[in-house]
C-alpha cells in the first residue's frame, strides 16, 4: 500500500498499518466519542468557519472541477493537554445548511445523529508534504508553537464523504492526527 495516497479503509489496507495507527484511522464511529475516553470533556476550538476555496484533492473527492468557492470549517480537538486532531470540513454552498448552526459543537454531534446522513467512504493516508491539507496543518502547528519552523513531522489523516440520502451534494471531513495524538505512541 502506498501510504502517501488516499486509500479506502478496507480490510486489506488496514491490515498493512501498525495496529496503533489503524485503531484510530479505521474508527468508523465518532472521533469525538473516541476522544471522550481520554478526556472528561472534549475541547474544540473553531479556527475558521466561512467561505474558502476547495483544494484540488477536495474538489476531486466532492466530484467537482476547478477552483470552486465553498463553505469551510476548520477546528482542533484536544486531548488531555494538547491538540490531537486538526479537522477541515469542506462543502459546496448547497450543503452549508448541514453545519450552519453547529457553532462550537463537534461535527460528530450531527454526523452520527442525523438519520439522513450517510458516510460514502472512509479513506486513510500519511500526508505528503506537498498536500494542501498537510500545509494547512503545519501552519497551525507553527502558529501555536507546537513544532519549530522547518520541522516536517509525518502526519496520518483520514477523510470521509458524507451525504444526505438521495442527494448529490455532501461534505468532505478530513481529520489530521497531530504529533501529540496517541496514534503515534
N, C-alpha and C. Protein backbone atom coordinates (compact mmCIF):
# COMPACT_ATOMS: atom_id res chain seq x y z
N UNK A 1 0.85 -1.19 0.00
CA UNK A 1 0.00 0.00 0.00
C UNK A 1 0.88 1.24 0.00
N UNK A 2 0.56 2.18 -0.85
CA UNK A 2 1.27 3.45 -0.86
C UNK A 2 0.59 4.36 0.17
N UNK A 3 1.21 4.55 1.30
CA UNK A 3 0.60 5.30 2.41
C UNK A 3 0.44 6.78 2.10
N UNK A 4 1.14 7.30 1.06
CA UNK A 4 1.06 8.73 0.76
C UNK A 4 -0.09 9.08 -0.18
N UNK A 5 -0.84 8.09 -0.63
CA UNK A 5 -2.02 8.33 -1.44
C UNK A 5 -3.25 7.91 -0.63
N UNK A 6 -4.36 8.59 -0.84
CA UNK A 6 -5.59 8.23 -0.15
C UNK A 6 -5.99 6.81 -0.55
N UNK A 7 -6.21 5.97 0.45
CA UNK A 7 -6.61 4.58 0.25
C UNK A 7 -7.93 4.34 0.96
N UNK A 8 -8.82 3.57 0.34
CA UNK A 8 -10.04 3.19 1.03
C UNK A 8 -9.66 2.38 2.26
N UNK A 9 -10.33 2.64 3.35
CA UNK A 9 -10.03 1.96 4.61
C UNK A 9 -10.71 0.59 4.63
N UNK A 10 -10.31 -0.26 3.69
CA UNK A 10 -10.84 -1.61 3.68
C UNK A 10 -9.91 -2.52 4.47
N UNK A 11 -10.30 -3.77 4.62
CA UNK A 11 -9.52 -4.70 5.43
C UNK A 11 -8.08 -4.83 4.95
N UNK A 12 -7.89 -4.91 3.63
CA UNK A 12 -6.54 -5.09 3.09
C UNK A 12 -5.64 -3.91 3.45
N UNK A 13 -6.13 -2.69 3.29
CA UNK A 13 -5.33 -1.50 3.60
C UNK A 13 -5.05 -1.40 5.09
N UNK A 14 -6.05 -1.64 5.90
CA UNK A 14 -5.90 -1.51 7.35
C UNK A 14 -4.91 -2.54 7.90
N UNK A 15 -4.92 -3.74 7.35
CA UNK A 15 -4.00 -4.79 7.83
C UNK A 15 -2.54 -4.43 7.61
N UNK A 16 -2.26 -3.55 6.65
CA UNK A 16 -0.88 -3.15 6.38
C UNK A 16 -0.38 -2.07 7.33
N UNK A 17 -1.27 -1.49 8.11
CA UNK A 17 -0.89 -0.42 9.04
C UNK A 17 -0.55 -0.99 10.40
N UNK A 18 0.35 -0.34 11.14
CA UNK A 18 0.57 -0.75 12.53
C UNK A 18 -0.75 -0.65 13.30
N UNK A 19 -0.95 -1.55 14.26
CA UNK A 19 -2.23 -1.60 14.98
C UNK A 19 -2.58 -0.25 15.61
N UNK A 20 -1.62 0.38 16.29
CA UNK A 20 -1.90 1.64 16.98
C UNK A 20 -2.30 2.76 16.02
N UNK A 21 -1.88 2.68 14.77
CA UNK A 21 -2.30 3.65 13.75
C UNK A 21 -3.70 3.26 13.25
N UNK A 22 -3.86 1.99 12.93
CA UNK A 22 -5.13 1.50 12.37
C UNK A 22 -6.30 1.71 13.32
N UNK A 23 -6.06 1.54 14.63
CA UNK A 23 -7.18 1.66 15.57
C UNK A 23 -7.77 3.07 15.59
N UNK A 24 -6.99 4.08 15.22
CA UNK A 24 -7.51 5.44 15.14
C UNK A 24 -8.02 5.77 13.74
N UNK A 25 -7.23 5.41 12.72
CA UNK A 25 -7.63 5.75 11.35
C UNK A 25 -8.89 5.02 10.91
N UNK A 26 -9.05 3.80 11.35
CA UNK A 26 -10.18 2.99 10.88
C UNK A 26 -11.39 3.09 11.80
N UNK A 27 -11.38 4.00 12.74
CA UNK A 27 -12.53 4.20 13.63
C UNK A 27 -13.73 4.63 12.79
N UNK A 28 -14.74 3.77 12.71
CA UNK A 28 -15.90 4.10 11.89
C UNK A 28 -16.92 4.93 12.67
N UNK A 29 -16.75 5.01 13.97
CA UNK A 29 -17.63 5.83 14.78
C UNK A 29 -17.09 7.25 14.86
N UNK A 30 -17.56 7.96 15.84
CA UNK A 30 -17.19 9.36 16.04
C UNK A 30 -15.82 9.48 16.72
N UNK A 31 -14.92 10.26 16.12
CA UNK A 31 -13.63 10.51 16.78
C UNK A 31 -13.83 11.31 18.05
N UNK A 32 -14.84 12.17 18.07
CA UNK A 32 -15.14 12.94 19.28
C UNK A 32 -15.48 11.98 20.42
N UNK A 33 -16.27 10.97 20.11
CA UNK A 33 -16.63 9.98 21.13
C UNK A 33 -15.41 9.19 21.58
N UNK A 34 -14.55 8.83 20.64
CA UNK A 34 -13.32 8.12 20.98
C UNK A 34 -12.43 9.00 21.88
N UNK A 35 -12.34 10.29 21.55
CA UNK A 35 -11.56 11.22 22.37
C UNK A 35 -12.11 11.31 23.78
N UNK A 36 -13.43 11.21 23.92
CA UNK A 36 -14.05 11.35 25.25
C UNK A 36 -13.62 10.25 26.20
N UNK A 37 -13.01 9.19 25.69
CA UNK A 37 -12.46 8.14 26.57
C UNK A 37 -11.16 8.60 27.23
N UNK A 38 -10.57 9.66 26.69
CA UNK A 38 -9.28 10.15 27.18
C UNK A 38 -9.41 11.45 27.98
N UNK A 39 -10.49 12.17 27.78
CA UNK A 39 -10.69 13.45 28.47
C UNK A 39 -12.10 13.50 29.04
N UNK A 40 -12.25 14.27 30.13
CA UNK A 40 -13.56 14.40 30.76
C UNK A 40 -14.56 15.07 29.83
N UNK A 41 -14.14 16.16 29.20
CA UNK A 41 -14.98 16.85 28.23
C UNK A 41 -14.11 17.24 27.04
N UNK A 42 -14.56 16.85 25.86
CA UNK A 42 -13.79 17.14 24.65
C UNK A 42 -13.81 18.64 24.40
N UNK A 43 -12.62 19.21 24.26
CA UNK A 43 -12.49 20.64 23.97
C UNK A 43 -12.29 20.81 22.47
N UNK A 44 -13.01 21.77 21.90
CA UNK A 44 -12.93 22.04 20.47
C UNK A 44 -12.73 23.53 20.28
N UNK A 45 -11.77 23.89 19.45
CA UNK A 45 -11.57 25.29 19.05
C UNK A 45 -11.92 25.41 17.57
N UNK A 46 -12.80 26.35 17.24
CA UNK A 46 -13.10 26.64 15.85
C UNK A 46 -12.05 27.64 15.37
N UNK A 47 -11.25 27.23 14.39
CA UNK A 47 -10.20 28.09 13.86
C UNK A 47 -10.73 28.98 12.74
N UNK A 48 -11.61 28.43 11.93
CA UNK A 48 -12.14 29.16 10.78
C UNK A 48 -13.48 28.56 10.40
N UNK A 49 -14.43 29.43 10.10
CA UNK A 49 -15.70 28.98 9.56
C UNK A 49 -16.18 30.05 8.60
N UNK A 50 -16.30 29.68 7.34
CA UNK A 50 -16.74 30.65 6.35
C UNK A 50 -16.40 30.21 4.95
N UNK A 51 -16.28 31.19 4.08
CA UNK A 51 -16.02 30.92 2.67
C UNK A 51 -14.56 30.55 2.46
N UNK A 52 -14.35 29.62 1.56
CA UNK A 52 -13.00 29.21 1.18
C UNK A 52 -13.02 28.72 -0.25
N UNK A 53 -11.92 28.13 -0.66
CA UNK A 53 -11.81 27.54 -2.00
C UNK A 53 -11.43 26.09 -1.82
N UNK A 54 -12.12 25.21 -2.55
CA UNK A 54 -11.79 23.79 -2.48
C UNK A 54 -10.37 23.57 -2.97
N UNK A 55 -9.62 22.73 -2.26
CA UNK A 55 -8.32 22.30 -2.77
C UNK A 55 -8.57 21.32 -3.91
N UNK A 56 -7.54 21.02 -4.67
CA UNK A 56 -7.68 20.07 -5.78
C UNK A 56 -8.14 18.70 -5.26
N UNK A 57 -7.58 18.26 -4.12
CA UNK A 57 -7.98 16.97 -3.53
C UNK A 57 -9.45 16.98 -3.09
N UNK A 58 -9.87 18.09 -2.49
CA UNK A 58 -11.26 18.20 -2.05
C UNK A 58 -12.22 18.21 -3.24
N UNK A 59 -11.86 18.97 -4.27
CA UNK A 59 -12.71 19.04 -5.45
C UNK A 59 -12.88 17.66 -6.08
N UNK A 60 -11.79 16.90 -6.16
CA UNK A 60 -11.88 15.55 -6.72
C UNK A 60 -12.77 14.65 -5.85
N UNK A 61 -12.61 14.72 -4.54
CA UNK A 61 -13.42 13.89 -3.64
C UNK A 61 -14.89 14.27 -3.69
N UNK A 62 -15.17 15.57 -3.90
CA UNK A 62 -16.56 16.04 -3.98
C UNK A 62 -17.10 15.99 -5.41
N UNK A 63 -16.28 15.44 -6.33
CA UNK A 63 -16.69 15.26 -7.71
C UNK A 63 -17.01 16.59 -8.39
N UNK A 64 -16.13 17.57 -8.15
CA UNK A 64 -16.27 18.91 -8.71
C UNK A 64 -14.97 19.27 -9.39
N UNK A 65 -15.02 20.15 -10.35
CA UNK A 65 -13.80 20.54 -11.06
C UNK A 65 -13.50 22.02 -10.88
N UNK A 66 -12.22 22.36 -10.96
CA UNK A 66 -11.79 23.75 -10.94
C UNK A 66 -11.79 24.34 -9.55
N UNK A 67 -11.39 25.61 -9.49
CA UNK A 67 -11.39 26.33 -8.22
C UNK A 67 -12.82 26.75 -7.91
N UNK A 68 -13.37 26.16 -6.89
CA UNK A 68 -14.77 26.38 -6.55
C UNK A 68 -14.85 26.99 -5.16
N UNK A 69 -15.61 28.08 -5.03
CA UNK A 69 -15.86 28.63 -3.71
C UNK A 69 -16.69 27.63 -2.92
N UNK A 70 -16.45 27.57 -1.64
CA UNK A 70 -17.14 26.58 -0.82
C UNK A 70 -17.27 27.09 0.61
N UNK A 71 -17.93 26.32 1.43
CA UNK A 71 -18.02 26.56 2.87
C UNK A 71 -16.95 25.69 3.53
N UNK A 72 -16.16 26.28 4.41
CA UNK A 72 -15.08 25.57 5.09
C UNK A 72 -15.21 25.76 6.59
N UNK A 73 -14.94 24.70 7.32
CA UNK A 73 -14.88 24.78 8.78
C UNK A 73 -13.62 24.05 9.22
N UNK A 74 -12.74 24.75 9.93
CA UNK A 74 -11.53 24.14 10.47
C UNK A 74 -11.57 24.22 11.98
N UNK A 75 -11.31 23.09 12.62
CA UNK A 75 -11.35 23.01 14.07
C UNK A 75 -10.17 22.20 14.56
N UNK A 76 -9.93 22.31 15.87
CA UNK A 76 -8.94 21.48 16.54
C UNK A 76 -9.64 20.83 17.73
N UNK A 77 -9.41 19.52 17.87
CA UNK A 77 -9.92 18.77 19.02
C UNK A 77 -8.75 18.45 19.93
N UNK A 78 -8.95 18.58 21.22
CA UNK A 78 -7.88 18.45 22.20
C UNK A 78 -7.93 17.13 22.95
N UNK A 79 -6.73 16.60 23.22
CA UNK A 79 -6.57 15.51 24.17
C UNK A 79 -6.48 16.13 25.55
N UNK A 80 -5.94 15.40 26.53
CA UNK A 80 -5.89 15.93 27.89
C UNK A 80 -5.11 17.24 28.04
N UNK A 81 -4.02 17.39 27.28
CA UNK A 81 -3.18 18.59 27.44
C UNK A 81 -2.96 19.38 26.17
N UNK A 82 -2.91 18.71 25.06
CA UNK A 82 -2.55 19.34 23.78
C UNK A 82 -3.53 18.96 22.69
N UNK A 83 -3.51 19.71 21.59
CA UNK A 83 -4.38 19.35 20.47
C UNK A 83 -3.97 18.02 19.86
N UNK A 84 -4.94 17.21 19.53
CA UNK A 84 -4.70 15.89 18.95
C UNK A 84 -5.13 15.81 17.50
N UNK A 85 -6.18 16.57 17.13
CA UNK A 85 -6.74 16.42 15.79
C UNK A 85 -7.04 17.79 15.18
N UNK A 86 -6.55 18.00 13.97
CA UNK A 86 -6.90 19.16 13.15
C UNK A 86 -7.90 18.64 12.13
N UNK A 87 -9.07 19.26 12.06
CA UNK A 87 -10.11 18.78 11.14
C UNK A 87 -10.54 19.91 10.21
N UNK A 88 -10.73 19.56 8.95
CA UNK A 88 -11.20 20.51 7.94
C UNK A 88 -12.41 19.87 7.26
N UNK A 89 -13.52 20.57 7.31
CA UNK A 89 -14.74 20.13 6.64
C UNK A 89 -15.00 21.11 5.51
N UNK A 90 -15.19 20.59 4.32
CA UNK A 90 -15.46 21.46 3.17
C UNK A 90 -16.67 20.93 2.42
N UNK A 91 -17.44 21.87 1.87
CA UNK A 91 -18.65 21.50 1.14
C UNK A 91 -19.03 22.62 0.19
N UNK A 92 -19.78 22.25 -0.83
CA UNK A 92 -20.33 23.26 -1.72
C UNK A 92 -21.36 24.07 -0.94
N UNK A 93 -21.62 25.29 -1.37
CA UNK A 93 -22.57 26.14 -0.65
C UNK A 93 -23.94 25.51 -0.53
N UNK A 94 -24.31 24.65 -1.49
CA UNK A 94 -25.63 24.00 -1.43
C UNK A 94 -25.76 23.06 -0.24
N UNK A 95 -24.63 22.72 0.40
CA UNK A 95 -24.68 21.83 1.57
C UNK A 95 -24.42 22.55 2.88
N UNK A 96 -24.13 23.85 2.84
CA UNK A 96 -23.69 24.53 4.07
C UNK A 96 -24.76 24.55 5.16
N UNK A 97 -26.02 24.33 4.79
CA UNK A 97 -27.09 24.27 5.79
C UNK A 97 -26.86 23.12 6.79
N UNK A 98 -26.05 22.15 6.39
CA UNK A 98 -25.79 21.00 7.26
C UNK A 98 -25.03 21.39 8.54
N UNK A 99 -24.24 22.47 8.45
CA UNK A 99 -23.42 22.84 9.61
C UNK A 99 -23.61 24.28 10.08
N UNK A 100 -24.55 25.00 9.50
CA UNK A 100 -24.69 26.44 9.80
C UNK A 100 -24.87 26.75 11.28
N UNK A 101 -25.58 25.94 11.99
CA UNK A 101 -25.86 26.25 13.40
C UNK A 101 -25.02 25.41 14.36
N UNK A 102 -23.93 24.87 13.87
CA UNK A 102 -23.09 23.99 14.68
C UNK A 102 -22.33 24.74 15.78
N UNK A 103 -21.87 25.94 15.46
CA UNK A 103 -21.13 26.72 16.46
C UNK A 103 -19.89 25.98 16.92
N UNK A 104 -19.71 25.89 18.25
CA UNK A 104 -18.52 25.22 18.76
C UNK A 104 -18.79 23.76 19.16
N UNK A 105 -19.89 23.20 18.66
CA UNK A 105 -20.16 21.78 18.90
C UNK A 105 -19.37 20.95 17.88
N UNK A 106 -18.94 19.76 18.27
CA UNK A 106 -18.24 18.89 17.32
C UNK A 106 -19.17 18.45 16.18
N UNK A 107 -18.61 18.28 15.02
CA UNK A 107 -19.36 17.84 13.84
C UNK A 107 -20.00 16.48 14.08
N UNK A 108 -19.32 15.63 14.85
CA UNK A 108 -19.87 14.31 15.16
C UNK A 108 -21.25 14.37 15.78
N UNK A 109 -21.58 15.50 16.42
CA UNK A 109 -22.90 15.62 17.05
C UNK A 109 -24.03 15.59 16.03
N UNK A 110 -23.73 15.94 14.76
CA UNK A 110 -24.78 15.81 13.74
C UNK A 110 -24.54 14.60 12.83
N UNK A 111 -23.27 14.28 12.56
CA UNK A 111 -22.99 13.18 11.65
C UNK A 111 -23.59 11.86 12.12
N UNK A 112 -23.53 11.63 13.41
CA UNK A 112 -23.96 10.34 13.94
C UNK A 112 -25.34 10.38 14.57
N UNK A 113 -26.02 11.51 14.44
CA UNK A 113 -27.39 11.60 14.97
C UNK A 113 -28.43 11.86 13.88
N UNK A 114 -27.98 12.33 12.72
CA UNK A 114 -28.89 12.62 11.61
C UNK A 114 -29.10 11.33 10.80
N UNK A 115 -30.30 10.81 10.83
CA UNK A 115 -30.59 9.55 10.14
C UNK A 115 -30.49 9.66 8.62
N UNK A 116 -30.48 10.88 8.10
CA UNK A 116 -30.40 11.09 6.65
C UNK A 116 -28.96 11.08 6.15
N UNK A 117 -27.99 11.36 7.02
CA UNK A 117 -26.59 11.43 6.60
C UNK A 117 -25.97 10.04 6.56
N UNK A 118 -25.23 9.79 5.49
CA UNK A 118 -24.54 8.51 5.32
C UNK A 118 -23.10 8.76 4.91
N UNK A 119 -22.21 7.93 5.46
CA UNK A 119 -20.81 8.00 5.04
C UNK A 119 -20.69 7.21 3.74
N UNK A 120 -20.10 7.86 2.72
CA UNK A 120 -19.95 7.20 1.43
C UNK A 120 -18.59 6.55 1.28
N UNK A 121 -17.59 7.05 1.98
CA UNK A 121 -16.31 6.36 2.03
C UNK A 121 -15.51 6.85 3.22
N UNK A 122 -14.57 6.02 3.63
CA UNK A 122 -13.56 6.38 4.63
C UNK A 122 -12.23 6.03 3.99
N UNK A 123 -11.35 7.04 3.89
CA UNK A 123 -10.04 6.84 3.29
C UNK A 123 -8.97 7.28 4.28
N UNK A 124 -7.78 6.69 4.15
CA UNK A 124 -6.68 6.99 5.05
C UNK A 124 -5.40 7.24 4.25
N UNK A 125 -4.49 8.00 4.83
CA UNK A 125 -3.16 8.17 4.22
C UNK A 125 -2.21 8.82 5.22
N UNK A 126 -0.94 8.71 4.89
CA UNK A 126 0.07 9.50 5.58
C UNK A 126 0.32 10.68 4.64
N UNK A 127 0.01 11.87 5.11
CA UNK A 127 0.00 13.04 4.22
C UNK A 127 1.37 13.32 3.62
N UNK A 128 1.35 13.62 2.35
CA UNK A 128 2.53 14.04 1.62
C UNK A 128 2.80 15.50 1.98
N UNK A 129 4.05 15.88 2.11
CA UNK A 129 4.39 17.26 2.49
C UNK A 129 3.89 18.29 1.49
N UNK A 130 3.63 17.89 0.26
CA UNK A 130 3.13 18.83 -0.75
C UNK A 130 1.60 18.97 -0.69
N UNK A 131 0.93 18.16 0.10
CA UNK A 131 -0.53 18.21 0.22
C UNK A 131 -0.96 19.53 0.85
N UNK A 132 -2.02 20.11 0.30
CA UNK A 132 -2.54 21.36 0.87
C UNK A 132 -3.07 21.16 2.29
N UNK A 133 -3.62 19.99 2.56
CA UNK A 133 -4.09 19.67 3.92
C UNK A 133 -2.90 19.60 4.88
N UNK A 134 -1.81 19.00 4.44
CA UNK A 134 -0.60 18.94 5.25
C UNK A 134 -0.09 20.35 5.54
N UNK A 135 -0.03 21.19 4.51
CA UNK A 135 0.47 22.55 4.68
C UNK A 135 -0.39 23.37 5.64
N UNK A 136 -1.72 23.21 5.56
CA UNK A 136 -2.63 23.91 6.49
C UNK A 136 -2.37 23.46 7.92
N UNK A 137 -2.16 22.17 8.09
CA UNK A 137 -1.91 21.63 9.42
C UNK A 137 -0.59 22.14 9.98
N UNK A 138 0.44 22.17 9.14
CA UNK A 138 1.76 22.65 9.57
C UNK A 138 1.68 24.13 9.95
N UNK A 139 0.94 24.93 9.17
CA UNK A 139 0.80 26.36 9.52
C UNK A 139 0.16 26.50 10.91
N UNK A 140 -0.86 25.69 11.19
CA UNK A 140 -1.49 25.74 12.51
C UNK A 140 -0.47 25.36 13.59
N UNK A 141 0.25 24.26 13.40
CA UNK A 141 1.22 23.79 14.40
C UNK A 141 2.32 24.82 14.65
N UNK A 142 2.80 25.48 13.60
CA UNK A 142 3.83 26.50 13.76
C UNK A 142 3.28 27.73 14.47
N UNK A 143 2.07 28.14 14.09
CA UNK A 143 1.45 29.32 14.72
C UNK A 143 1.28 29.10 16.23
N UNK A 144 0.92 27.89 16.61
CA UNK A 144 0.72 27.57 18.03
C UNK A 144 2.01 27.16 18.73
N UNK A 145 3.12 27.21 17.99
CA UNK A 145 4.44 26.85 18.51
C UNK A 145 4.47 25.41 19.03
N UNK A 146 3.77 24.54 18.31
CA UNK A 146 3.74 23.13 18.66
C UNK A 146 4.82 22.35 17.90
N UNK A 147 5.36 22.99 16.86
CA UNK A 147 6.54 22.48 16.17
C UNK A 147 7.38 23.68 15.81
N UNK A 148 8.66 23.44 15.52
CA UNK A 148 9.53 24.53 15.10
C UNK A 148 9.46 24.70 13.60
N UNK A 149 9.81 25.88 13.13
CA UNK A 149 9.91 26.10 11.67
C UNK A 149 10.86 25.04 11.13
N UNK A 150 10.66 24.61 9.94
CA UNK A 150 11.48 23.60 9.27
C UNK A 150 11.23 22.17 9.77
N UNK A 151 10.40 22.00 10.77
CA UNK A 151 10.05 20.66 11.22
C UNK A 151 8.99 20.10 10.28
N UNK A 152 9.18 18.89 9.82
CA UNK A 152 8.25 18.27 8.87
C UNK A 152 7.80 16.90 9.41
N UNK A 153 6.95 16.90 10.43
CA UNK A 153 6.53 15.61 11.00
C UNK A 153 5.69 14.80 10.01
N UNK A 154 5.77 13.49 10.14
CA UNK A 154 4.90 12.61 9.36
C UNK A 154 3.53 12.66 10.03
N UNK A 155 2.50 12.93 9.25
CA UNK A 155 1.16 13.07 9.80
C UNK A 155 0.19 12.11 9.11
N UNK A 156 -0.53 11.33 9.92
CA UNK A 156 -1.56 10.46 9.40
C UNK A 156 -2.89 11.21 9.36
N UNK A 157 -3.71 10.85 8.38
CA UNK A 157 -5.00 11.52 8.24
C UNK A 157 -6.04 10.52 7.73
N UNK A 158 -7.28 10.92 7.89
CA UNK A 158 -8.39 10.15 7.33
C UNK A 158 -9.40 11.15 6.79
N UNK A 159 -10.21 10.71 5.85
CA UNK A 159 -11.24 11.59 5.32
C UNK A 159 -12.46 10.74 4.96
N UNK A 160 -13.61 11.41 5.10
CA UNK A 160 -14.89 10.76 4.81
C UNK A 160 -15.76 11.71 4.01
N UNK A 161 -16.52 11.15 3.10
CA UNK A 161 -17.52 11.91 2.37
C UNK A 161 -18.87 11.54 2.96
N UNK A 162 -19.61 12.55 3.41
CA UNK A 162 -20.93 12.38 4.00
C UNK A 162 -21.97 13.04 3.10
N UNK A 163 -23.06 12.32 2.85
CA UNK A 163 -24.14 12.87 2.03
C UNK A 163 -25.48 12.52 2.65
N UNK A 164 -26.45 13.39 2.36
CA UNK A 164 -27.84 13.10 2.72
C UNK A 164 -28.36 12.05 1.75
N UNK A 165 -29.29 11.25 2.22
CA UNK A 165 -29.93 10.25 1.37
C UNK A 165 -30.49 10.91 0.11
N UNK A 166 -30.25 10.31 -1.03
CA UNK A 166 -30.80 10.76 -2.32
C UNK A 166 -30.37 12.17 -2.71
N UNK A 167 -29.24 12.65 -2.22
CA UNK A 167 -28.72 13.98 -2.58
C UNK A 167 -27.33 13.81 -3.20
N UNK A 168 -27.01 14.70 -4.12
CA UNK A 168 -25.69 14.65 -4.74
C UNK A 168 -24.65 15.41 -3.94
N UNK A 169 -25.08 16.49 -3.29
CA UNK A 169 -24.10 17.29 -2.56
C UNK A 169 -23.79 16.65 -1.22
N UNK A 170 -22.67 17.02 -0.67
CA UNK A 170 -22.28 16.46 0.61
C UNK A 170 -21.15 17.26 1.21
N UNK A 171 -20.53 16.68 2.24
CA UNK A 171 -19.41 17.35 2.89
C UNK A 171 -18.25 16.38 3.04
N UNK A 172 -17.06 16.91 2.85
CA UNK A 172 -15.84 16.14 3.00
C UNK A 172 -15.23 16.50 4.34
N UNK A 173 -15.04 15.51 5.18
CA UNK A 173 -14.48 15.72 6.51
C UNK A 173 -13.08 15.09 6.53
N UNK A 174 -12.06 15.94 6.71
CA UNK A 174 -10.68 15.47 6.78
C UNK A 174 -10.17 15.68 8.21
N UNK A 175 -9.58 14.64 8.75
CA UNK A 175 -9.07 14.70 10.13
C UNK A 175 -7.59 14.31 10.12
N UNK A 176 -6.76 15.23 10.60
CA UNK A 176 -5.31 15.02 10.64
C UNK A 176 -4.92 14.81 12.09
N UNK A 177 -4.17 13.75 12.34
CA UNK A 177 -3.72 13.44 13.69
C UNK A 177 -2.42 14.19 13.96
N UNK A 178 -2.47 15.07 14.94
CA UNK A 178 -1.34 15.93 15.27
C UNK A 178 -0.29 15.15 16.06
N UNK A 179 0.95 15.67 16.14
CA UNK A 179 2.05 14.91 16.74
C UNK A 179 1.82 14.39 18.15
N UNK A 180 0.98 15.04 18.97
CA UNK A 180 0.75 14.57 20.34
C UNK A 180 -0.38 13.54 20.44
N UNK A 181 -1.03 13.19 19.34
CA UNK A 181 -2.12 12.22 19.37
C UNK A 181 -1.57 10.84 19.73
N UNK A 182 -2.37 10.02 20.42
CA UNK A 182 -1.90 8.70 20.84
C UNK A 182 -1.62 7.75 19.67
N UNK A 183 -2.07 8.09 18.50
CA UNK A 183 -1.81 7.28 17.31
C UNK A 183 -0.31 7.10 17.08
N UNK A 184 0.52 8.04 17.53
CA UNK A 184 1.96 7.99 17.30
C UNK A 184 2.73 7.31 18.42
N UNK A 185 2.04 6.81 19.41
CA UNK A 185 2.73 6.21 20.56
C UNK A 185 2.88 4.73 20.40
